[in-house]
C-alpha atoms as a PDB file:
ATOM      1  CA  MET A   1      85.246  86.026  87.446  1.00  0.00           C
ATOM      2  CA  THR A   2      88.467  86.269  85.460  1.00  0.00           C
ATOM      3  CA  SER A   3      88.756  88.319  82.274  1.00  0.00           C
ATOM      4  CA  LEU A   4      91.118  87.868  79.388  1.00  0.00           C
ATOM      5  CA  PRO A   5      94.052  90.319  79.216  1.00  0.00           C
ATOM      6  CA  GLY A   6      92.861  93.617  77.790  1.00  0.00           C
ATOM      7  CA  VAL A   7      89.198  92.704  78.277  1.00  0.00           C
ATOM      8  CA  GLY A   8      87.048  93.826  81.158  1.00  0.00           C
ATOM      9  CA  ASP A   9      85.058  96.654  82.621  1.00  0.00           C
ATOM     10  CA  GLY A  10      88.110  98.689  83.659  1.00  0.00           C
ATOM     11  CA  GLY A  11      87.019  98.726  87.294  1.00  0.00           C
ATOM     12  CA  GLY A  12      89.235  95.915  88.514  1.00  0.00           C
ATOM     13  CA  CYS A  13      92.382  96.078  90.551  1.00  0.00           C
ATOM     14  CA  GLN A  14      95.342  96.616  88.297  1.00  0.00           C
ATOM     15  CA  ALA A  15      98.862  96.839  89.656  1.00  0.00           C
ATOM     16  CA  GLN A  16      99.886 100.302  90.771  1.00  0.00           C
ATOM     17  CA  PRO A  17     103.515 101.444  90.649  1.00  0.00           C
ATOM     18  CA  GLY A  18     105.439 101.935  93.848  1.00  0.00           C
ATOM     19  CA  PRO A  19     105.283 100.297  97.249  1.00  0.00           C
ATOM     20  CA  PHE A  20     102.165  98.432  98.292  1.00  0.00           C
ATOM     21  CA  VAL A  21     100.935  98.738 101.880  1.00  0.00           C
ATOM     22  CA  CYS A  22      98.485  96.381 103.545  1.00  0.00           C
ATOM     23  CA  ALA A  23      95.425  98.430 104.487  1.00  0.00           C
ATOM     24  CA  ARG A  24      94.925  96.334 107.618  1.00  0.00           C
ATOM     25  CA  CYS A  25      98.336  95.732 109.223  1.00  0.00           C
ATOM     26  CA  GLY A  26     100.679  98.088 107.335  1.00  0.00           C
ATOM     27  CA  THR A  27     102.998  95.430 105.888  1.00  0.00           C
ATOM     28  CA  ARG A  28     104.913  96.874 102.913  1.00  0.00           C
ATOM     29  CA  ALA A  29     105.933  95.318  99.590  1.00  0.00           C
ATOM     30  CA  GLU A  30     107.958  96.977  96.829  1.00  0.00           C
ATOM     31  CA  GLY A  31     105.917  95.539  93.974  1.00  0.00           C
ATOM     32  CA  PRO A  32     102.784  93.548  93.332  1.00  0.00           C
ATOM     33  CA  VAL A  33     102.715  90.279  95.260  1.00  0.00           C
ATOM     34  CA  LEU A  34     100.680  87.412  93.836  1.00  0.00           C
ATOM     35  CA  THR A  35      99.481  86.268  97.252  1.00  0.00           C
ATOM     36  CA  TRP A  36      98.039  89.668  98.224  1.00  0.00           C
ATOM     37  CA  THR A  37      94.368  90.598  97.788  1.00  0.00           C
ATOM     38  CA  CYS A  38      93.151  93.762  96.087  1.00  0.00           C
ATOM     39  CA  SER A  39      89.762  95.148  97.068  1.00  0.00           C
ATOM     40  CA  LEU A  40      87.896  97.970  95.360  1.00  0.00           C
ATOM     41  CA  GLU A  41      85.894  99.719  98.076  1.00  0.00           C
ATOM     42  CA  ASP A  42      84.003 102.936  97.351  1.00  0.00           C
ATOM     43  CA  GLY A  43      86.183 103.505  94.281  1.00  0.00           C
ATOM     44  CA  ASP A  44      89.412 103.186  96.302  1.00  0.00           C
ATOM     45  CA  ARG A  45      91.866 100.291  95.815  1.00  0.00           C
ATOM     46  CA  GLN A  46      92.970  98.661  99.028  1.00  0.00           C
ATOM     47  CA  TYR A  47      95.587  95.925  99.247  1.00  0.00           C
ATOM     48  CA  PHE A  48      95.748  93.238 101.926  1.00  0.00           C
ATOM     49  CA  CYS A  49      98.758  91.022 102.648  1.00  0.00           C
ATOM     50  CA  ASP A  50      98.468  87.257 102.501  1.00  0.00           C
ATOM     51  CA  VAL A  51      98.262  86.938 106.301  1.00  0.00           C
ATOM     52  CA  CYS A  52      95.384  89.436 106.651  1.00  0.00           C
ATOM     53  CA  SER A  53      93.652  87.948 103.619  1.00  0.00           C
ATOM     54  CA  ARG A  54      93.891  84.440 105.074  1.00  0.00           C
ATOM     55  CA  GLU A  55      92.639  85.544 108.500  1.00  0.00           C
ATOM     56  CA  ASN A  56      89.594  87.265 106.965  1.00  0.00           C
ATOM     57  CA  LEU A  57      88.809  84.851 104.139  1.00  0.00           C
ATOM     58  CA  ARG A  58      85.150  84.324 105.112  1.00  0.00           C
ATOM     59  CA  ALA A  59      84.489  88.072 105.186  1.00  0.00           C
ATOM     60  CA  ILE A  60      86.213  88.494 101.814  1.00  0.00           C
ATOM     61  CA  GLU A  61      84.178  85.675 100.263  1.00  0.00           C
ATOM     62  CA  GLY A  62      81.027  87.231 101.732  1.00  0.00           C
ATOM     63  CA  ARG A  63      82.005  90.489  99.986  1.00  0.00           C
ATOM     64  CA  LEU A  64      81.996  92.468 103.216  1.00  0.00           C
ATOM     65  CA  ASP A  65      83.898  95.761 103.160  1.00  0.00           C
ATOM     66  CA  SER A  66      87.078  95.663 105.213  1.00  0.00           C
ATOM     67  CA  ALA A  67      85.465  98.000 107.766  1.00  0.00           C
ATOM     68  CA  TRP A  68      83.334  94.999 108.860  1.00  0.00           C
ATOM     69  CA  TRP A  69      86.321  92.694 109.438  1.00  0.00           C
END
């Protein structure tokens, strides 16, 4: 579900400064990329590049942790 700017539970994935690294394949990006996926797993933010996200779409939609991919 999408929240309005400034509204929400505070537990979502907000952009972090610095380089982003795909937690699955190690691809790097200097800033937030709109096509990447952010996952909050056990209180830790993990980012996945568009390729890894696309390859594991069914697992993501099923809300499986990335350890199960």
